[in-house]
Amino acid sequence: MQEHVELGFLLSRYGALLTPRQRELLSMAVDEDFSLSEISEQAGISRQGARDVIQRAAAQLRAYENALGDEKRARQLRELAGKLAQCPAVMADEAARTLVENMMEIIDNGV
């Protein structure tokens, strides 16, 4: 399950670097939770073909993350911003809360 979630984050961060076909099939597997049979039927290919495309795309996403580390940094920033949001001083100050919310939005939309 954790791998599934990780792939979802990586797909949203680096998905544009995949081919449209890879992005489509991996999205079916990760975002829509389709089985290999469902994906192969939708794509008009064999289950093995669907599996190969998905595994290749997942490997590419992991390679991008290993080289660039954007998702790791975003995860760390999300964690720190979440802790900051829980500070009493921030919770009591509407302007500070708004700044933290804006920071979280920027992090979620790409650092």
N, C-alpha and C. Protein backbone atom coordinates (compact mmCIF):
# COMPACT_ATOMS: atom_id res chain seq x y z
N MET A 1 0.82 -1.19 0.00
CA MET A 1 0.00 0.00 0.00
C MET A 1 0.87 1.26 0.00
N GLN A 2 1.92 1.27 0.82
CA GLN A 2 2.82 2.42 0.88
C GLN A 2 3.45 2.67 -0.48
N GLU A 3 3.82 1.61 -1.19
CA GLU A 3 4.41 1.75 -2.52
C GLU A 3 3.41 2.40 -3.47
N HIS A 4 2.15 2.02 -3.35
CA HIS A 4 1.08 2.56 -4.17
C HIS A 4 0.96 4.07 -3.95
N VAL A 5 0.98 4.49 -2.70
CA VAL A 5 0.88 5.90 -2.34
C VAL A 5 2.10 6.65 -2.86
N GLU A 6 3.28 6.06 -2.67
CA GLU A 6 4.52 6.68 -3.14
C GLU A 6 4.47 6.89 -4.65
N LEU A 7 4.02 5.88 -5.37
CA LEU A 7 3.92 6.01 -6.83
C LEU A 7 2.94 7.12 -7.22
N GLY A 8 1.88 7.27 -6.45
CA GLY A 8 0.93 8.35 -6.72
C GLY A 8 1.58 9.71 -6.61
N PHE A 9 2.38 9.91 -5.55
CA PHE A 9 3.10 11.18 -5.38
C PHE A 9 4.10 11.38 -6.52
N LEU A 10 4.84 10.33 -6.85
CA LEU A 10 5.83 10.44 -7.91
C LEU A 10 5.17 10.71 -9.26
N LEU A 11 4.03 10.08 -9.49
CA LEU A 11 3.31 10.29 -10.74
C LEU A 11 2.84 11.74 -10.85
N SER A 12 2.35 12.29 -9.75
CA SER A 12 1.90 13.68 -9.82
C SER A 12 3.08 14.63 -9.98
N ARG A 13 4.22 14.30 -9.42
CA ARG A 13 5.39 15.18 -9.50
C ARG A 13 6.10 15.06 -10.85
N TYR A 14 6.31 13.83 -11.35
CA TYR A 14 7.14 13.62 -12.54
C TYR A 14 6.37 13.03 -13.72
N GLY A 15 5.07 12.87 -13.59
CA GLY A 15 4.29 12.21 -14.64
C GLY A 15 4.44 12.81 -16.02
N ALA A 16 4.64 14.12 -16.08
CA ALA A 16 4.78 14.78 -17.38
C ALA A 16 6.02 14.31 -18.13
N LEU A 17 6.96 13.70 -17.43
CA LEU A 17 8.18 13.22 -18.06
C LEU A 17 8.01 11.83 -18.69
N LEU A 18 6.91 11.18 -18.40
CA LEU A 18 6.61 9.87 -19.00
C LEU A 18 5.94 10.06 -20.35
N THR A 19 5.91 8.98 -21.13
CA THR A 19 5.14 9.05 -22.38
C THR A 19 3.66 9.08 -22.01
N PRO A 20 2.82 9.60 -22.90
CA PRO A 20 1.39 9.62 -22.60
C PRO A 20 0.84 8.22 -22.27
N ARG A 21 1.32 7.22 -22.98
CA ARG A 21 0.86 5.83 -22.75
C ARG A 21 1.27 5.35 -21.36
N GLN A 22 2.53 5.58 -20.98
CA GLN A 22 2.99 5.19 -19.65
C GLN A 22 2.19 5.91 -18.58
N ARG A 23 1.99 7.20 -18.76
CA ARG A 23 1.25 8.00 -17.78
C ARG A 23 -0.19 7.49 -17.64
N GLU A 24 -0.81 7.18 -18.77
CA GLU A 24 -2.19 6.70 -18.76
C GLU A 24 -2.32 5.36 -18.03
N LEU A 25 -1.46 4.40 -18.37
CA LEU A 25 -1.56 3.07 -17.77
C LEU A 25 -1.18 3.10 -16.29
N LEU A 26 -0.15 3.86 -15.95
CA LEU A 26 0.24 3.95 -14.54
C LEU A 26 -0.84 4.66 -13.73
N SER A 27 -1.46 5.66 -14.31
CA SER A 27 -2.56 6.35 -13.63
C SER A 27 -3.73 5.40 -13.38
N MET A 28 -4.02 4.55 -14.35
CA MET A 28 -5.09 3.56 -14.14
C MET A 28 -4.76 2.66 -12.95
N ALA A 29 -3.50 2.26 -12.84
CA ALA A 29 -3.09 1.36 -11.77
C ALA A 29 -3.06 2.07 -10.42
N VAL A 30 -2.55 3.29 -10.40
CA VAL A 30 -2.32 3.99 -9.14
C VAL A 30 -3.52 4.83 -8.71
N ASP A 31 -4.00 5.68 -9.61
CA ASP A 31 -5.08 6.61 -9.26
C ASP A 31 -6.44 5.94 -9.24
N GLU A 32 -6.67 5.05 -10.20
CA GLU A 32 -7.99 4.43 -10.32
C GLU A 32 -8.03 3.02 -9.73
N ASP A 33 -6.87 2.51 -9.33
CA ASP A 33 -6.76 1.20 -8.69
C ASP A 33 -7.33 0.07 -9.57
N PHE A 34 -7.11 0.16 -10.88
CA PHE A 34 -7.55 -0.88 -11.79
C PHE A 34 -6.62 -2.07 -11.66
N SER A 35 -7.16 -3.25 -11.90
CA SER A 35 -6.34 -4.46 -11.94
C SER A 35 -5.63 -4.53 -13.29
N LEU A 36 -4.64 -5.42 -13.39
CA LEU A 36 -3.96 -5.59 -14.67
C LEU A 36 -4.93 -6.02 -15.76
N SER A 37 -5.89 -6.85 -15.40
CA SER A 37 -6.88 -7.30 -16.38
C SER A 37 -7.70 -6.12 -16.90
N GLU A 38 -8.12 -5.25 -15.99
CA GLU A 38 -8.91 -4.08 -16.39
C GLU A 38 -8.08 -3.13 -17.26
N ILE A 39 -6.83 -2.94 -16.87
CA ILE A 39 -5.95 -2.05 -17.63
C ILE A 39 -5.70 -2.62 -19.02
N SER A 40 -5.39 -3.91 -19.09
CA SER A 40 -5.11 -4.52 -20.39
C SER A 40 -6.33 -4.46 -21.30
N GLU A 41 -7.51 -4.66 -20.73
CA GLU A 41 -8.74 -4.59 -21.51
C GLU A 41 -8.96 -3.17 -22.05
N GLN A 42 -8.80 -2.17 -21.17
CA GLN A 42 -8.99 -0.77 -21.57
C GLN A 42 -7.96 -0.35 -22.63
N ALA A 43 -6.73 -0.82 -22.48
CA ALA A 43 -5.64 -0.41 -23.37
C ALA A 43 -5.55 -1.27 -24.63
N GLY A 44 -6.24 -2.39 -24.63
CA GLY A 44 -6.20 -3.28 -25.79
C GLY A 44 -4.88 -4.01 -25.95
N ILE A 45 -4.27 -4.36 -24.81
CA ILE A 45 -3.01 -5.09 -24.82
C ILE A 45 -3.11 -6.26 -23.85
N SER A 46 -2.09 -7.11 -23.83
CA SER A 46 -2.10 -8.25 -22.92
C SER A 46 -1.83 -7.79 -21.48
N ARG A 47 -2.16 -8.65 -20.53
CA ARG A 47 -1.86 -8.35 -19.13
C ARG A 47 -0.36 -8.15 -18.94
N GLN A 48 0.43 -9.00 -19.60
CA GLN A 48 1.89 -8.89 -19.50
C GLN A 48 2.37 -7.56 -20.08
N GLY A 49 1.78 -7.16 -21.19
CA GLY A 49 2.14 -5.88 -21.79
C GLY A 49 1.82 -4.72 -20.86
N ALA A 50 0.65 -4.77 -20.23
CA ALA A 50 0.27 -3.73 -19.27
C ALA A 50 1.23 -3.72 -18.09
N ARG A 51 1.54 -4.90 -17.59
CA ARG A 51 2.47 -5.01 -16.45
C ARG A 51 3.84 -4.44 -16.79
N ASP A 52 4.33 -4.75 -18.00
CA ASP A 52 5.64 -4.26 -18.42
C ASP A 52 5.66 -2.73 -18.50
N VAL A 53 4.62 -2.14 -19.10
CA VAL A 53 4.56 -0.68 -19.23
C VAL A 53 4.51 -0.04 -17.84
N ILE A 54 3.71 -0.59 -16.95
CA ILE A 54 3.56 -0.03 -15.61
C ILE A 54 4.87 -0.14 -14.83
N GLN A 55 5.50 -1.29 -14.90
CA GLN A 55 6.76 -1.46 -14.17
C GLN A 55 7.86 -0.55 -14.72
N ARG A 56 7.91 -0.40 -16.02
CA ARG A 56 8.91 0.47 -16.64
C ARG A 56 8.67 1.93 -16.24
N ALA A 57 7.40 2.34 -16.26
CA ALA A 57 7.07 3.72 -15.89
C ALA A 57 7.39 3.97 -14.41
N ALA A 58 7.06 3.02 -13.56
CA ALA A 58 7.35 3.16 -12.12
C ALA A 58 8.85 3.26 -11.89
N ALA A 59 9.62 2.46 -12.61
CA ALA A 59 11.07 2.50 -12.48
C ALA A 59 11.62 3.85 -12.93
N GLN A 60 11.05 4.40 -13.99
CA GLN A 60 11.49 5.72 -14.46
C GLN A 60 11.18 6.79 -13.41
N LEU A 61 9.99 6.74 -12.83
CA LEU A 61 9.64 7.73 -11.80
C LEU A 61 10.59 7.65 -10.61
N ARG A 62 10.92 6.43 -10.21
CA ARG A 62 11.86 6.27 -9.09
C ARG A 62 13.24 6.79 -9.45
N ALA A 63 13.65 6.59 -10.70
CA ALA A 63 14.95 7.09 -11.15
C ALA A 63 14.97 8.62 -11.15
N TYR A 64 13.87 9.23 -11.58
CA TYR A 64 13.78 10.69 -11.54
C TYR A 64 13.88 11.19 -10.10
N GLU A 65 13.18 10.52 -9.20
CA GLU A 65 13.21 10.94 -7.79
C GLU A 65 14.61 10.74 -7.20
N ASN A 66 15.26 9.63 -7.54
CA ASN A 66 16.62 9.40 -7.05
C ASN A 66 17.58 10.47 -7.54
N ALA A 67 17.39 10.91 -8.78
CA ALA A 67 18.29 11.91 -9.35
C ALA A 67 17.97 13.32 -8.86
N LEU A 68 16.68 13.62 -8.71
CA LEU A 68 16.27 14.99 -8.41
C LEU A 68 15.86 15.22 -6.95
N GLY A 69 15.22 14.25 -6.35
CA GLY A 69 14.84 14.34 -4.95
C GLY A 69 13.75 15.34 -4.63
N ASP A 70 12.98 15.79 -5.63
CA ASP A 70 11.95 16.80 -5.39
C ASP A 70 10.86 16.32 -4.43
N GLU A 71 10.40 15.09 -4.60
CA GLU A 71 9.32 14.61 -3.74
C GLU A 71 9.79 14.46 -2.29
N LYS A 72 11.01 14.01 -2.11
CA LYS A 72 11.55 13.88 -0.75
C LYS A 72 11.59 15.25 -0.07
N ARG A 73 12.09 16.26 -0.79
CA ARG A 73 12.13 17.61 -0.23
C ARG A 73 10.72 18.13 0.06
N ALA A 74 9.80 17.89 -0.85
CA ALA A 74 8.42 18.34 -0.66
C ALA A 74 7.81 17.66 0.57
N ARG A 75 8.09 16.38 0.75
CA ARG A 75 7.57 15.64 1.92
C ARG A 75 8.13 16.24 3.20
N GLN A 76 9.43 16.57 3.21
CA GLN A 76 10.05 17.18 4.38
C GLN A 76 9.45 18.56 4.66
N LEU A 77 9.25 19.34 3.61
CA LEU A 77 8.66 20.67 3.79
C LEU A 77 7.22 20.58 4.27
N ARG A 78 6.45 19.61 3.74
CA ARG A 78 5.07 19.39 4.20
C ARG A 78 5.05 19.08 5.69
N GLU A 79 5.97 18.22 6.11
CA GLU A 79 6.04 17.84 7.52
C GLU A 79 6.36 19.06 8.40
N LEU A 80 7.34 19.84 7.99
CA LEU A 80 7.72 21.02 8.77
C LEU A 80 6.60 22.06 8.78
N ALA A 81 5.95 22.27 7.65
CA ALA A 81 4.85 23.23 7.60
C ALA A 81 3.69 22.75 8.46
N GLY A 82 3.45 21.44 8.49
CA GLY A 82 2.40 20.90 9.35
C GLY A 82 2.70 21.15 10.81
N LYS A 83 3.96 20.97 11.21
CA LYS A 83 4.36 21.25 12.59
C LYS A 83 4.23 22.74 12.90
N LEU A 84 4.62 23.58 11.96
CA LEU A 84 4.50 25.01 12.15
C LEU A 84 3.04 25.42 12.32
N ALA A 85 2.17 24.81 11.55
CA ALA A 85 0.74 25.13 11.64
C ALA A 85 0.17 24.80 13.01
N GLN A 86 0.79 23.85 13.72
CA GLN A 86 0.30 23.44 15.04
C GLN A 86 0.85 24.30 16.19
N CYS A 87 1.78 25.20 15.88
CA CYS A 87 2.34 26.06 16.93
C CYS A 87 1.26 27.01 17.44
N PRO A 88 1.17 27.16 18.75
CA PRO A 88 0.14 28.03 19.32
C PRO A 88 0.18 29.45 18.75
N ALA A 89 1.36 30.01 18.54
CA ALA A 89 1.46 31.37 18.02
C ALA A 89 0.85 31.47 16.62
N VAL A 90 1.08 30.44 15.80
CA VAL A 90 0.53 30.44 14.44
C VAL A 90 -0.98 30.21 14.49
N MET A 91 -1.42 29.31 15.35
CA MET A 91 -2.84 29.03 15.46
C MET A 91 -3.63 30.26 15.92
N ALA A 92 -3.01 31.12 16.72
CA ALA A 92 -3.67 32.31 17.26
C ALA A 92 -3.64 33.48 16.28
N ASP A 93 -2.81 33.42 15.27
CA ASP A 93 -2.62 34.55 14.35
C ASP A 93 -3.14 34.17 12.96
N GLU A 94 -4.22 34.81 12.55
CA GLU A 94 -4.85 34.46 11.28
C GLU A 94 -3.90 34.70 10.09
N ALA A 95 -3.14 35.78 10.14
CA ALA A 95 -2.20 36.07 9.05
C ALA A 95 -1.13 34.98 8.96
N ALA A 96 -0.64 34.52 10.11
CA ALA A 96 0.37 33.46 10.12
C ALA A 96 -0.23 32.16 9.60
N ARG A 97 -1.48 31.86 10.00
CA ARG A 97 -2.14 30.64 9.49
C ARG A 97 -2.28 30.70 7.97
N THR A 98 -2.64 31.87 7.47
CA THR A 98 -2.80 32.04 6.02
C THR A 98 -1.47 31.83 5.31
N LEU A 99 -0.39 32.35 5.88
CA LEU A 99 0.92 32.15 5.28
C LEU A 99 1.31 30.68 5.24
N VAL A 100 1.04 29.96 6.34
CA VAL A 100 1.35 28.53 6.38
C VAL A 100 0.49 27.78 5.36
N GLU A 101 -0.78 28.13 5.24
CA GLU A 101 -1.66 27.49 4.25
C GLU A 101 -1.15 27.75 2.84
N ASN A 102 -0.72 28.98 2.57
CA ASN A 102 -0.17 29.31 1.25
C ASN A 102 1.10 28.52 0.97
N MET A 103 1.92 28.38 2.00
CA MET A 103 3.15 27.60 1.87
C MET A 103 2.82 26.14 1.54
N MET A 104 1.84 25.58 2.21
CA MET A 104 1.45 24.18 1.97
C MET A 104 0.93 24.03 0.52
N GLU A 105 0.19 25.00 0.05
CA GLU A 105 -0.34 24.94 -1.30
C GLU A 105 0.80 24.97 -2.33
N ILE A 106 1.79 25.81 -2.09
CA ILE A 106 2.94 25.88 -3.00
C ILE A 106 3.69 24.54 -2.99
N ILE A 107 3.87 23.98 -1.81
CA ILE A 107 4.56 22.70 -1.70
C ILE A 107 3.80 21.62 -2.46
N ASP A 108 2.49 21.58 -2.28
CA ASP A 108 1.68 20.54 -2.92
C ASP A 108 1.61 20.69 -4.43
N ASN A 109 1.76 21.92 -4.91
CA ASN A 109 1.68 22.16 -6.36
C ASN A 109 3.05 22.13 -7.03
N GLY A 110 4.06 21.78 -6.29
CA GLY A 110 5.39 21.65 -6.89
C GLY A 110 6.35 22.67 -6.34
N VAL A 111 7.38 22.13 -5.71
CA VAL A 111 8.40 22.98 -5.10
C VAL A 111 9.28 23.55 -6.17
